[in-house]
Amino acid sequence: MKKILLAGESWETFSIHIKGFDTFFTSKYEEGAKWLIEALEEADYEVDFIPNQHAASKFPTEIEEISQYDTVILSDIGSNTLLLHPDTFEKSISTPNRLKLIREYVKEGGSFLMIGGYMSFQGIDAKSKYKNSPIEEILPVVMMATDDRVEVPEGMYPEAVKEHAVLEGIEYKWPMLLGYNKFAADEKGEVLVEYDGDPLVVVGKYGKGRTAAFASDCAPHWGSPEFVEWDNYGKFWAQLIGWLRKDI
């Protein structure tokens, strides 16, 4: 089975246009998953994508559902979206805790990846709220308790710091990124890529499964055009998923 569940990577903007006495409104829907999905599909992975606006209701609630996937990826999706199923938030009906569900899934041999962004790890204004959650428990990192974003508008160039199957055949100097979520590796984590002493790619194990944290973004704005068009963009993600699945 080479089936991946990807949740997050979508957003909507609502704009107010003020022209003197008059105003009008516009809205726009966007997705940031296309580069990652294309890269994984080219590596023969089947990707089921649940964008943010559907994740609260459509993300799996039972171990049988989530176990059909051998890798689960959360990218730019806050914990409240997974904790607050519409039945719970709107009707006060008890529903499964999907952060605990992911933990159980990994403990029994599944694999999990969190990709950075404004709504990953702790995120902007610490609104993502994964600190002290089952997700922090399974990841090989220690998250900050506050807003963890590090903006690098001048550009940053990460470097590989360890030989590993995930980085096989990939040059040690990476293309430019524009920011990341700051965290530390924990005792079970292996740091593979760094910038300025901060870990950017960390891999580890939890129970029977494997997990990984990628501190920057798979898409703009932190993921620059130089990064998403990088010759090794697809190779990196394919090999990271391959390691998580225990293929390499």
Protein backbone atom coordinates (compact mmCIF):
# COMPACT_ATOMS: atom_id res chain seq x y z
CA MET A 1 0.00 0.00 0.00
CA LYS A 2 1.31 3.45 -0.94
CA LYS A 3 -1.56 5.60 0.24
CA ILE A 4 -1.16 8.98 1.94
CA LEU A 5 -3.65 11.20 3.76
CA LEU A 6 -2.81 14.91 3.54
CA ALA A 7 -4.87 17.41 5.54
CA GLY A 8 -4.61 21.21 5.57
CA GLU A 9 -2.96 23.47 2.97
CA SER A 10 -5.96 25.60 2.02
CA TRP A 11 -7.26 29.02 3.02
CA GLU A 12 -9.90 31.60 2.19
CA THR A 13 -9.47 35.36 2.18
CA PHE A 14 -12.26 37.91 2.60
CA SER A 15 -11.52 41.47 1.49
CA ILE A 16 -13.36 44.73 2.14
CA HIS A 17 -12.90 47.30 -0.64
CA ILE A 18 -13.57 50.87 0.47
CA LYS A 19 -14.08 53.45 -2.28
CA GLY A 20 -15.06 56.70 -0.66
CA PHE A 21 -18.59 56.37 0.71
CA ASP A 22 -19.11 52.93 -0.84
CA THR A 23 -17.78 49.49 0.02
CA PHE A 24 -17.95 46.03 -1.49
CA PHE A 25 -16.60 42.61 -0.60
CA THR A 26 -14.69 39.89 -2.40
CA SER A 27 -13.52 36.45 -1.34
CA LYS A 28 -10.91 34.05 -2.68
CA TYR A 29 -10.15 30.38 -2.09
CA GLU A 30 -6.61 29.03 -2.49
CA GLU A 31 -4.69 25.79 -1.98
CA GLY A 32 -0.98 25.25 -1.37
CA ALA A 33 -0.82 21.48 -1.74
CA LYS A 34 -0.27 21.12 -5.48
CA TRP A 35 3.55 20.98 -5.43
CA LEU A 36 3.64 18.32 -2.72
CA ILE A 37 0.83 16.27 -4.24
CA GLU A 38 2.43 16.36 -7.69
CA ALA A 39 5.78 15.30 -6.23
CA LEU A 40 4.28 12.37 -4.34
CA GLU A 41 2.11 11.23 -7.24
CA GLU A 42 5.16 11.24 -9.50
CA ALA A 43 6.73 8.85 -6.98
CA ASP A 44 3.68 6.53 -7.34
CA TYR A 45 1.96 7.49 -4.11
CA GLU A 46 -1.81 7.83 -3.98
CA VAL A 47 -2.72 11.02 -2.10
CA ASP A 48 -6.11 11.73 -0.54
CA PHE A 49 -6.25 15.48 0.15
CA ILE A 50 -8.63 16.97 2.72
CA PRO A 51 -8.43 20.78 2.61
CA ASN A 52 -8.88 22.79 5.80
CA GLN A 53 -12.52 23.70 5.23
CA HIS A 54 -13.52 20.01 5.06
CA ALA A 55 -11.12 18.55 7.62
CA ALA A 56 -13.30 19.18 10.69
CA SER A 57 -16.02 16.92 9.29
CA LYS A 58 -14.13 14.58 6.94
CA PHE A 59 -10.87 13.70 8.70
CA PRO A 60 -11.08 10.09 9.98
CA THR A 61 -12.62 9.54 13.40
CA GLU A 62 -11.98 5.79 13.75
CA ILE A 63 -8.80 3.73 13.75
CA GLU A 64 -10.19 1.55 10.95
CA GLU A 65 -10.54 4.61 8.72
CA ILE A 66 -7.12 6.10 9.34
CA SER A 67 -5.38 2.73 9.15
CA GLN A 68 -6.11 2.48 5.42
CA TYR A 69 -3.29 5.04 5.04
CA ASP A 70 0.32 4.20 5.70
CA THR A 71 1.28 7.88 6.11
CA VAL A 72 -0.68 10.82 7.52
CA ILE A 73 0.53 14.38 6.83
CA LEU A 74 -0.70 17.51 8.59
CA SER A 75 0.38 20.74 6.91
CA ASP A 76 -0.82 24.19 7.95
CA ILE A 77 -3.86 22.95 9.86
CA GLY A 78 -4.47 23.97 13.47
CA SER A 79 -5.38 21.52 16.21
CA ASN A 80 -8.85 23.03 16.72
CA THR A 81 -9.87 21.95 13.23
CA LEU A 82 -9.27 18.33 14.22
CA LEU A 83 -10.52 18.60 17.80
CA LEU A 84 -13.79 20.39 17.06
CA HIS A 85 -15.91 18.09 14.89
CA PRO A 86 -19.15 19.91 13.90
CA ASP A 87 -21.16 17.44 15.99
CA THR A 88 -19.22 18.50 19.07
CA PHE A 89 -18.92 22.23 18.38
CA GLU A 90 -22.45 22.78 17.06
CA LYS A 91 -24.49 20.06 18.79
CA SER A 92 -22.49 19.26 21.98
CA ILE A 93 -22.24 15.60 20.95
CA SER A 94 -19.19 13.64 22.08
CA THR A 95 -16.83 12.69 19.23
CA PRO A 96 -13.41 10.98 19.13
CA ASN A 97 -10.28 13.01 19.85
CA ARG A 98 -8.50 12.83 16.51
CA LEU A 99 -5.13 13.89 17.92
CA LYS A 100 -5.26 10.83 20.19
CA LEU A 101 -6.39 8.79 17.19
CA ILE A 102 -3.26 9.79 15.26
CA ARG A 103 -1.14 8.86 18.28
CA GLU A 104 -2.76 5.41 18.44
CA TYR A 105 -2.32 4.97 14.69
CA VAL A 106 1.42 5.70 14.90
CA LYS A 107 1.89 3.60 18.04
CA GLU A 108 0.51 0.61 16.13
CA GLY A 109 2.83 1.12 13.16
CA GLY A 110 1.52 4.04 11.10
CA SER A 111 3.70 6.95 10.04
CA PHE A 112 3.20 10.68 10.53
CA LEU A 113 4.66 13.91 9.18
CA MET A 114 3.99 17.49 10.22
CA ILE A 115 4.99 20.20 7.75
CA GLY A 116 5.47 23.77 8.96
CA GLY A 117 3.44 26.89 8.33
CA TYR A 118 1.43 29.58 10.07
CA MET A 119 -0.98 26.91 11.40
CA SER A 120 1.53 24.15 12.20
CA PHE A 121 3.34 23.28 15.45
CA GLN A 122 2.43 26.33 17.60
CA GLY A 123 2.10 28.74 14.68
CA ILE A 124 1.10 32.37 14.48
CA ASP A 125 0.05 33.78 17.87
CA ALA A 126 0.42 30.18 19.15
CA LYS A 127 -3.02 29.46 17.66
CA SER A 128 -2.16 26.05 16.22
CA LYS A 129 -1.86 24.72 19.79
CA TYR A 130 -0.01 21.45 19.27
CA LYS A 131 2.22 22.07 22.30
CA ASN A 132 1.56 19.46 25.04
CA SER A 133 -0.74 17.53 22.69
CA PRO A 134 -0.59 13.91 21.50
CA ILE A 135 1.00 15.26 18.31
CA GLU A 136 3.95 16.72 20.21
CA GLU A 137 4.23 13.41 22.06
CA ILE A 138 4.69 11.39 18.87
CA LEU A 139 6.91 13.88 17.03
CA PRO A 140 10.68 13.86 17.68
CA VAL A 141 10.61 17.53 18.72
CA VAL A 142 9.91 19.84 21.66
CA MET A 143 7.68 22.71 20.58
CA MET A 144 7.70 26.25 21.90
CA ALA A 145 4.79 27.42 24.04
CA THR A 146 4.56 30.77 22.22
CA ASP A 147 4.35 31.98 18.63
CA ASP A 148 7.13 29.90 17.08
CA ARG A 149 7.53 31.56 13.68
CA VAL A 150 10.95 32.70 12.52
CA GLU A 151 10.56 35.01 9.54
CA VAL A 152 13.62 35.30 7.31
CA PRO A 153 12.59 37.74 4.55
CA GLU A 154 16.18 38.08 3.34
CA GLY A 155 16.25 34.35 2.64
CA MET A 156 17.87 31.40 4.38
CA TYR A 157 19.85 28.50 3.00
CA PRO A 158 19.52 25.28 5.03
CA GLU A 159 22.26 22.66 5.11
CA ALA A 160 22.19 18.92 5.67
CA VAL A 161 24.14 17.96 8.79
CA LYS A 162 23.89 14.17 8.76
CA GLU A 163 24.07 11.36 6.24
CA HIS A 164 20.74 9.55 6.14
CA ALA A 165 18.61 7.54 3.72
CA VAL A 166 16.16 10.46 3.55
CA LEU A 167 18.90 12.65 2.04
CA GLU A 168 20.51 10.07 -0.24
CA GLY A 169 21.62 11.73 -3.49
CA ILE A 170 20.56 15.23 -2.35
CA GLU A 171 23.14 18.02 -2.11
CA TYR A 172 23.86 19.25 1.41
CA LYS A 173 23.19 22.92 0.54
CA TRP A 174 19.49 23.55 0.01
CA PRO A 175 17.71 26.30 -1.94
CA MET A 176 16.31 29.40 -0.29
CA LEU A 177 13.47 29.31 2.21
CA LEU A 178 11.83 32.35 3.81
CA GLY A 179 10.99 31.18 7.31
CA TYR A 180 10.18 28.28 9.61
CA ASN A 181 8.64 27.14 12.88
CA LYS A 182 11.20 27.01 15.68
CA PHE A 183 11.45 23.87 17.81
CA ALA A 184 14.12 21.65 19.37
CA ALA A 185 14.82 18.00 18.71
CA ASP A 186 13.97 15.71 21.62
CA GLU A 187 15.93 12.68 22.83
CA LYS A 188 14.40 10.41 20.17
CA GLY A 189 15.01 12.79 17.28
CA GLU A 190 17.69 12.73 14.58
CA VAL A 191 18.38 16.16 13.08
CA LEU A 192 19.07 15.90 9.35
CA VAL A 193 18.88 19.52 8.16
CA GLU A 194 19.56 22.78 10.03
CA TYR A 195 19.61 26.54 9.63
CA ASP A 196 21.51 28.77 12.06
CA GLY A 197 21.63 25.97 14.62
CA ASP A 198 17.88 25.33 14.48
CA PRO A 199 16.59 21.94 13.26
CA LEU A 200 14.55 21.98 10.05
CA VAL A 201 14.19 18.26 9.36
CA VAL A 202 13.93 15.86 12.30
CA VAL A 203 13.03 12.17 12.15
CA GLY A 204 12.26 9.69 14.91
CA LYS A 205 10.24 6.70 16.08
CA TYR A 206 7.19 6.30 18.29
CA GLY A 207 5.88 2.90 19.26
CA LYS A 208 5.92 0.72 16.15
CA GLY A 209 5.75 3.74 13.82
CA ARG A 210 7.96 6.52 12.52
CA THR A 211 7.44 10.29 12.57
CA ALA A 212 9.07 13.38 11.11
CA ALA A 213 8.91 17.16 11.41
CA PHE A 214 9.70 19.59 8.60
CA ALA A 215 9.96 23.08 10.08
CA SER A 216 9.42 25.16 6.95
CA ASP A 217 6.67 25.05 4.31
CA CYS A 218 6.13 22.79 1.32
CA ALA A 219 4.64 25.77 -0.56
CA PRO A 220 4.81 29.60 -0.67
CA HIS A 221 5.35 31.84 1.09
CA TRP A 222 8.07 30.21 3.21
CA GLY A 223 8.61 27.67 0.45
CA SER A 224 10.12 29.96 -2.19
CA PRO A 225 9.78 29.39 -5.95
CA GLU A 226 13.41 28.30 -5.86
CA PHE A 227 12.49 25.60 -3.34
CA VAL A 228 9.30 24.24 -4.91
CA GLU A 229 11.01 24.17 -8.34
CA TRP A 230 14.19 22.57 -6.95
CA ASP A 231 15.34 19.49 -8.86
CA ASN A 232 15.41 17.53 -5.60
CA TYR A 233 12.07 18.76 -4.25
CA GLY A 234 10.22 15.62 -5.29
CA LYS A 235 13.10 13.35 -4.38
CA PHE A 236 13.27 14.73 -0.84
CA TRP A 237 9.58 14.24 -0.13
CA ALA A 238 9.50 10.80 -1.76
CA GLN A 239 12.50 9.62 0.25
CA LEU A 240 11.15 11.11 3.48
CA ILE A 241 7.86 9.27 3.01
CA GLY A 242 9.77 6.16 1.98
CA TRP A 243 11.71 6.26 5.25
CA LEU A 244 8.54 6.83 7.25
CA ARG A 245 6.97 3.80 5.55
CA LYS A 246 10.13 1.75 6.28
CA ASP A 247 10.79 1.26 2.57
CA ILE A 248 14.33 2.63 2.90
